Protein backbone atom coordinates (compact mmCIF):
# COMPACT_ATOMS: atom_id res chain seq x y z
CA MET A 1 -0.03 0.08 0.10
CA ALA A 2 1.19 3.43 -0.87
CA ARG A 3 0.33 6.82 0.70
CA LEU A 4 -1.78 8.72 -1.96
CA THR A 5 0.27 11.78 -3.03
CA ASP A 6 -0.97 12.75 -6.61
CA PRO A 7 -2.13 16.37 -5.69
CA ASP A 8 -4.86 15.95 -8.41
CA ILE A 9 -6.54 12.90 -6.99
CA LEU A 10 -6.04 13.88 -3.41
CA ALA A 11 -7.61 17.30 -4.27
CA ARG A 12 -10.74 15.40 -5.65
CA TYR A 13 -10.84 12.87 -2.65
CA LYS A 14 -10.95 15.93 -0.40
CA GLN A 15 -13.79 17.72 -2.52
CA ALA A 16 -15.79 14.93 -2.02
CA LEU A 17 -15.04 14.63 1.90
CA ALA A 18 -15.71 18.46 2.17
CA ASP A 19 -19.54 17.60 0.93
CA TRP A 20 -19.82 14.97 3.62
CA ASN A 21 -23.00 16.46 5.17
CA ILE A 22 -24.67 16.48 1.82
CA ASP A 23 -23.69 13.54 -0.75
CA GLY A 24 -20.21 13.57 -0.79
CA VAL A 25 -19.83 10.46 1.30
CA VAL A 26 -22.02 7.50 1.04
CA LEU A 27 -21.98 4.02 2.76
CA LYS A 28 -22.48 1.31 0.53
CA GLY A 29 -23.09 -2.45 0.91
CA ARG A 30 -22.20 -3.90 4.15
CA ALA A 31 -20.55 -0.69 5.39
CA ALA A 32 -23.61 0.54 7.33
CA ASP A 33 -23.48 -2.77 9.28
CA GLY A 34 -19.76 -2.32 9.83
CA LEU A 35 -20.46 1.02 11.36
CA ARG A 36 -23.44 -0.27 13.50
CA THR A 37 -21.47 -2.99 15.16
CA THR A 38 -18.06 -1.60 15.05
CA LEU A 39 -18.97 1.84 16.44
CA GLU A 40 -22.25 1.43 18.34
CA GLY A 41 -24.02 4.70 19.05
CA VAL A 42 -21.86 6.72 16.29
CA THR A 43 -24.35 8.00 13.81
CA GLU A 44 -23.58 7.90 10.01
CA LYS A 45 -23.48 11.85 10.06
CA ARG A 46 -20.63 11.83 12.88
CA PHE A 47 -18.82 9.07 11.22
CA LYS A 48 -18.64 10.90 7.89
CA GLU A 49 -17.67 14.12 9.51
CA SER A 50 -14.88 12.21 11.35
CA LEU A 51 -13.67 10.97 8.05
CA TYR A 52 -13.56 14.51 6.83
CA ARG A 53 -11.76 15.99 9.79
CA TYR A 54 -9.31 13.11 9.57
CA VAL A 55 -8.22 13.75 6.15
CA CYS A 56 -8.75 17.33 5.62
CA GLN A 57 -8.20 18.73 8.99
CA GLU A 58 -5.71 16.53 10.70
CA ASN A 59 -3.80 15.50 7.23
CA GLY A 60 -4.49 11.79 8.01
CA GLU A 61 -3.26 9.15 5.78
CA VAL A 62 -4.92 8.03 2.66
CA ASP A 63 -3.53 4.71 1.04
CA ARG A 64 -4.08 4.22 -2.67
CA VAL A 65 -4.20 0.36 -3.46
CA LYS A 66 -4.44 -1.13 -6.69
CA GLU A 67 -7.63 -3.34 -6.82
CA GLU A 68 -6.81 -7.00 -7.56
CA ARG A 69 -9.65 -8.61 -5.97
CA GLU A 70 -12.56 -10.24 -7.82
CA PRO A 71 -15.12 -9.17 -8.93
CA TRP A 72 -14.17 -5.53 -7.91
CA CYS A 73 -11.09 -5.34 -10.23
CA LYS A 74 -13.42 -5.22 -13.16
CA ASP A 75 -14.97 -2.31 -12.25
CA TRP A 76 -12.35 -0.37 -10.10
CA GLU A 77 -8.82 0.29 -10.77
CA TRP A 78 -8.10 1.56 -7.09
CA HIS A 79 -9.72 1.72 -3.63
CA TYR A 80 -8.62 4.10 -0.80
CA ASP A 81 -8.04 3.06 2.68
CA LEU A 82 -8.03 5.32 5.81
CA ARG A 83 -7.21 4.19 9.15
CA PRO A 84 -8.73 6.98 11.64
CA THR A 85 -9.29 6.92 15.11
CA ILE A 86 -12.98 7.16 16.45
CA ASN A 87 -14.12 6.76 20.00
CA GLY A 88 -10.71 5.55 20.72
CA LEU A 89 -10.86 2.65 18.40
CA ARG A 90 -8.56 2.64 15.29
CA LEU A 91 -10.40 1.67 12.17
CA TYR A 92 -9.90 0.14 8.86
CA VAL A 93 -12.17 2.01 6.08
CA GLU A 94 -12.15 1.13 2.89
CA THR A 95 -13.28 3.70 0.11
CA ARG A 96 -13.73 4.14 -3.46
CA LEU A 97 -13.50 7.40 -5.25
CA TYR A 98 -16.24 7.91 -7.87
CA PRO A 99 -15.99 8.76 -10.60
CA GLU A 100 -12.29 7.89 -11.01
CA SER A 101 -12.21 9.64 -14.35
CA PHE A 102 -11.20 13.23 -14.31
CA SER A 103 -13.01 13.67 -17.65
CA SER A 104 -16.58 13.23 -16.02
CA ARG A 105 -18.54 16.25 -15.27
CA HIS A 106 -20.01 14.49 -12.20
CA GLU A 107 -18.87 15.71 -8.75
CA PRO A 108 -16.59 13.36 -6.97
CA ILE A 109 -18.11 11.07 -3.85
CA ILE A 110 -16.62 8.63 -1.61
CA GLN A 111 -18.10 5.28 -1.25
CA VAL A 112 -17.36 3.73 2.05
CA VAL A 113 -17.58 0.06 1.24
CA GLN A 114 -16.00 -1.44 4.60
CA ILE A 115 -15.67 -0.46 8.17
CA LYS A 116 -13.72 -2.69 10.66
CA PRO A 117 -11.19 -2.49 13.54
CA ALA A 118 -7.96 -1.97 12.26
């Protein structure tokens, strides 16, 4: 795993996180279950705000990982891992940046696909 250092991609990632309170961050698939079981009592809103603070205010590390797992590698070239601490618990949060294409007119969003203890 390698820290995300590409300034353009990092700026898009932060742009999506900055919209955490609107629709810049969404929980997909089993992520909502992961939030509920891992961080009992933490609301989705508070979780999203914590990700924003971790990356944008605390300069938390974002790892860019080549997606090689089936079936996701067919649709995604990369996923992005975060390891914030929330309520004293260090987490592993797997995310995707959508759209990955810079040529898209769509605003970027972060899809949270996994939340578990690190």
